[in-house]
Amino acid sequence: MQGGSISPLLANIYLHYAFDLWGRAMEGRHAQGDVIVVRYADDWVAGFQYRDDAERFERAVAQRLGQFGLKLP
């Protein structure tokens, strides 16, 4: 167990602002093809129609998470 019962709630609130809202904006503005980003708790998956969009997103998400003191494994 990692922390108390409030930890998952706080993580979801934090990631909502750090990742979810940003991810939705990225889907519509910066991709040439179709994009889907889904998050459940602290896990997420992103699917892309085009490889260039995926590579651009990978760089952007690493930078975005870094702004919040987070990093990709």
N, C-alpha and C. Protein backbone atom coordinates (compact mmCIF):
# COMPACT_ATOMS: atom_id res chain seq x y z
N MET A 1 0.84 -1.18 0.00
CA MET A 1 0.00 0.00 0.00
C MET A 1 0.88 1.24 0.00
N GLN A 2 0.57 2.18 -0.86
CA GLN A 2 1.37 3.39 -0.99
C GLN A 2 0.60 4.58 -0.42
N GLY A 3 0.74 4.84 0.83
CA GLY A 3 0.08 6.00 1.40
C GLY A 3 -1.34 5.67 1.84
N GLY A 4 -2.01 6.71 2.28
CA GLY A 4 -3.37 6.55 2.78
C GLY A 4 -4.40 6.55 1.68
N SER A 5 -5.64 6.51 2.08
CA SER A 5 -6.73 6.44 1.11
C SER A 5 -6.90 7.72 0.32
N ILE A 6 -6.35 8.82 0.79
CA ILE A 6 -6.47 10.09 0.07
C ILE A 6 -5.48 10.18 -1.09
N SER A 7 -4.40 9.38 -1.06
CA SER A 7 -3.36 9.45 -2.09
C SER A 7 -3.89 9.26 -3.51
N PRO A 8 -4.70 8.23 -3.79
CA PRO A 8 -5.21 8.08 -5.16
C PRO A 8 -6.07 9.27 -5.61
N LEU A 9 -6.83 9.81 -4.70
CA LEU A 9 -7.67 10.98 -5.03
C LEU A 9 -6.80 12.17 -5.39
N LEU A 10 -5.80 12.45 -4.58
CA LEU A 10 -4.91 13.57 -4.85
C LEU A 10 -4.12 13.37 -6.14
N ALA A 11 -3.69 12.14 -6.40
CA ALA A 11 -2.97 11.85 -7.65
C ALA A 11 -3.87 12.10 -8.85
N ASN A 12 -5.13 11.71 -8.77
CA ASN A 12 -6.06 11.93 -9.88
C ASN A 12 -6.31 13.41 -10.12
N ILE A 13 -6.44 14.18 -9.05
CA ILE A 13 -6.64 15.62 -9.20
C ILE A 13 -5.40 16.25 -9.83
N TYR A 14 -4.24 15.89 -9.33
CA TYR A 14 -2.98 16.42 -9.84
C TYR A 14 -2.81 16.10 -11.32
N LEU A 15 -3.00 14.83 -11.68
CA LEU A 15 -2.82 14.42 -13.07
C LEU A 15 -3.91 14.98 -13.99
N HIS A 16 -5.07 15.27 -13.45
CA HIS A 16 -6.11 15.88 -14.27
C HIS A 16 -5.61 17.20 -14.85
N TYR A 17 -4.98 18.00 -14.02
CA TYR A 17 -4.48 19.30 -14.48
C TYR A 17 -3.13 19.18 -15.19
N ALA A 18 -2.26 18.30 -14.72
CA ALA A 18 -0.92 18.17 -15.30
C ALA A 18 -0.93 17.43 -16.63
N PHE A 19 -1.89 16.50 -16.81
CA PHE A 19 -1.85 15.64 -18.00
C PHE A 19 -3.14 15.64 -18.80
N ASP A 20 -4.28 15.39 -18.17
CA ASP A 20 -5.54 15.19 -18.91
C ASP A 20 -5.94 16.39 -19.76
N LEU A 21 -6.01 17.56 -19.14
CA LEU A 21 -6.44 18.75 -19.89
C LEU A 21 -5.46 19.08 -20.99
N TRP A 22 -4.19 18.97 -20.68
CA TRP A 22 -3.15 19.21 -21.69
C TRP A 22 -3.24 18.19 -22.82
N GLY A 23 -3.45 16.92 -22.48
CA GLY A 23 -3.55 15.87 -23.49
C GLY A 23 -4.71 16.09 -24.45
N ARG A 24 -5.83 16.53 -23.92
CA ARG A 24 -6.97 16.82 -24.79
C ARG A 24 -6.67 17.96 -25.75
N ALA A 25 -5.99 18.97 -25.26
CA ALA A 25 -5.62 20.09 -26.12
C ALA A 25 -4.65 19.64 -27.21
N MET A 26 -3.73 18.75 -26.85
CA MET A 26 -2.76 18.25 -27.82
C MET A 26 -3.44 17.42 -28.91
N GLU A 27 -4.46 16.67 -28.54
CA GLU A 27 -5.17 15.83 -29.51
C GLU A 27 -5.69 16.65 -30.68
N GLY A 28 -6.30 17.77 -30.38
CA GLY A 28 -6.97 18.54 -31.42
C GLY A 28 -6.10 19.53 -32.16
N ARG A 29 -5.06 20.04 -31.52
CA ARG A 29 -4.31 21.14 -32.10
C ARG A 29 -3.03 20.75 -32.81
N HIS A 30 -2.40 19.68 -32.38
CA HIS A 30 -1.05 19.42 -32.86
C HIS A 30 -0.89 18.14 -33.67
N ALA A 31 -1.93 17.39 -33.84
CA ALA A 31 -1.82 16.11 -34.55
C ALA A 31 -2.37 16.23 -35.96
N GLN A 32 -1.71 15.55 -36.88
CA GLN A 32 -2.17 15.52 -38.27
C GLN A 32 -3.27 14.48 -38.46
N GLY A 33 -3.20 13.40 -37.70
CA GLY A 33 -4.17 12.32 -37.83
C GLY A 33 -4.98 12.15 -36.56
N ASP A 34 -5.63 11.01 -36.46
CA ASP A 34 -6.45 10.70 -35.29
C ASP A 34 -5.55 10.38 -34.10
N VAL A 35 -6.01 10.81 -32.91
CA VAL A 35 -5.28 10.58 -31.67
C VAL A 35 -6.29 10.23 -30.58
N ILE A 36 -5.89 9.30 -29.72
CA ILE A 36 -6.70 9.01 -28.54
C ILE A 36 -5.75 8.90 -27.35
N VAL A 37 -6.11 9.57 -26.25
CA VAL A 37 -5.33 9.51 -25.02
C VAL A 37 -6.29 9.10 -23.90
N VAL A 38 -5.93 8.03 -23.20
CA VAL A 38 -6.78 7.51 -22.12
C VAL A 38 -5.91 7.35 -20.87
N ARG A 39 -6.43 7.80 -19.73
CA ARG A 39 -5.71 7.64 -18.47
C ARG A 39 -6.63 6.99 -17.45
N TYR A 40 -6.07 6.07 -16.69
CA TYR A 40 -6.77 5.45 -15.55
C TYR A 40 -5.79 5.47 -14.39
N ALA A 41 -6.14 6.18 -13.35
CA ALA A 41 -5.26 6.37 -12.19
C ALA A 41 -3.95 6.98 -12.68
N ASP A 42 -2.82 6.32 -12.44
CA ASP A 42 -1.55 6.90 -12.88
C ASP A 42 -1.00 6.22 -14.14
N ASP A 43 -1.83 5.44 -14.82
CA ASP A 43 -1.46 4.80 -16.08
C ASP A 43 -2.14 5.51 -17.24
N TRP A 44 -1.47 5.56 -18.37
CA TRP A 44 -2.09 6.15 -19.55
C TRP A 44 -1.58 5.45 -20.81
N VAL A 45 -2.37 5.56 -21.84
CA VAL A 45 -2.00 5.03 -23.14
C VAL A 45 -2.44 6.04 -24.19
N ALA A 46 -1.64 6.18 -25.22
CA ALA A 46 -1.97 7.10 -26.31
C ALA A 46 -1.82 6.34 -27.63
N GLY A 47 -2.78 6.53 -28.52
CA GLY A 47 -2.74 5.90 -29.83
C GLY A 47 -2.76 6.96 -30.92
N PHE A 48 -2.00 6.72 -31.97
CA PHE A 48 -1.84 7.72 -33.03
C PHE A 48 -2.00 7.07 -34.40
N GLN A 49 -2.58 7.81 -35.30
CA GLN A 49 -2.72 7.36 -36.67
C GLN A 49 -1.36 7.43 -37.39
N TYR A 50 -0.57 8.46 -37.05
CA TYR A 50 0.70 8.67 -37.74
C TYR A 50 1.87 8.66 -36.76
N ARG A 51 2.96 8.04 -37.19
CA ARG A 51 4.15 7.93 -36.37
C ARG A 51 4.71 9.31 -35.98
N ASP A 52 4.73 10.26 -36.89
CA ASP A 52 5.25 11.60 -36.57
C ASP A 52 4.49 12.22 -35.40
N ASP A 53 3.18 12.04 -35.37
CA ASP A 53 2.38 12.57 -34.26
C ASP A 53 2.79 11.90 -32.95
N ALA A 54 3.02 10.60 -32.97
CA ALA A 54 3.42 9.87 -31.77
C ALA A 54 4.78 10.34 -31.26
N GLU A 55 5.72 10.53 -32.16
CA GLU A 55 7.05 10.99 -31.76
C GLU A 55 7.01 12.40 -31.20
N ARG A 56 6.22 13.26 -31.81
CA ARG A 56 6.06 14.64 -31.33
C ARG A 56 5.42 14.64 -29.94
N PHE A 57 4.41 13.78 -29.76
CA PHE A 57 3.73 13.69 -28.47
C PHE A 57 4.67 13.16 -27.40
N GLU A 58 5.49 12.18 -27.74
CA GLU A 58 6.43 11.62 -26.77
C GLU A 58 7.37 12.69 -26.23
N ARG A 59 7.90 13.51 -27.12
CA ARG A 59 8.78 14.59 -26.68
C ARG A 59 8.01 15.62 -25.84
N ALA A 60 6.82 15.97 -26.29
CA ALA A 60 6.02 16.99 -25.60
C ALA A 60 5.55 16.52 -24.22
N VAL A 61 5.16 15.25 -24.10
CA VAL A 61 4.66 14.76 -22.81
C VAL A 61 5.81 14.68 -21.81
N ALA A 62 6.99 14.32 -22.24
CA ALA A 62 8.14 14.29 -21.33
C ALA A 62 8.43 15.70 -20.81
N GLN A 63 8.36 16.67 -21.68
CA GLN A 63 8.59 18.06 -21.28
C GLN A 63 7.47 18.54 -20.34
N ARG A 64 6.23 18.23 -20.68
CA ARG A 64 5.09 18.65 -19.86
C ARG A 64 5.18 18.06 -18.45
N LEU A 65 5.41 16.77 -18.35
CA LEU A 65 5.50 16.14 -17.03
C LEU A 65 6.68 16.69 -16.24
N GLY A 66 7.78 16.99 -16.93
CA GLY A 66 8.92 17.58 -16.25
C GLY A 66 8.61 18.90 -15.59
N GLN A 67 7.69 19.66 -16.16
CA GLN A 67 7.29 20.94 -15.57
C GLN A 67 6.60 20.74 -14.22
N PHE A 68 6.11 19.54 -13.97
CA PHE A 68 5.41 19.23 -12.72
C PHE A 68 6.25 18.31 -11.81
N GLY A 69 7.53 18.17 -12.14
CA GLY A 69 8.41 17.34 -11.33
C GLY A 69 8.20 15.85 -11.54
N LEU A 70 7.61 15.47 -12.65
CA LEU A 70 7.36 14.06 -12.97
C LEU A 70 8.22 13.65 -14.16
N LYS A 71 8.45 12.36 -14.33
CA LYS A 71 9.20 11.90 -15.50
C LYS A 71 8.68 10.55 -15.95
N LEU A 72 8.92 10.26 -17.22
CA LEU A 72 8.54 8.97 -17.77
C LEU A 72 9.54 7.93 -17.31
N PRO A 73 9.09 6.70 -17.08
CA PRO A 73 10.03 5.65 -16.63
C PRO A 73 10.99 5.25 -17.74
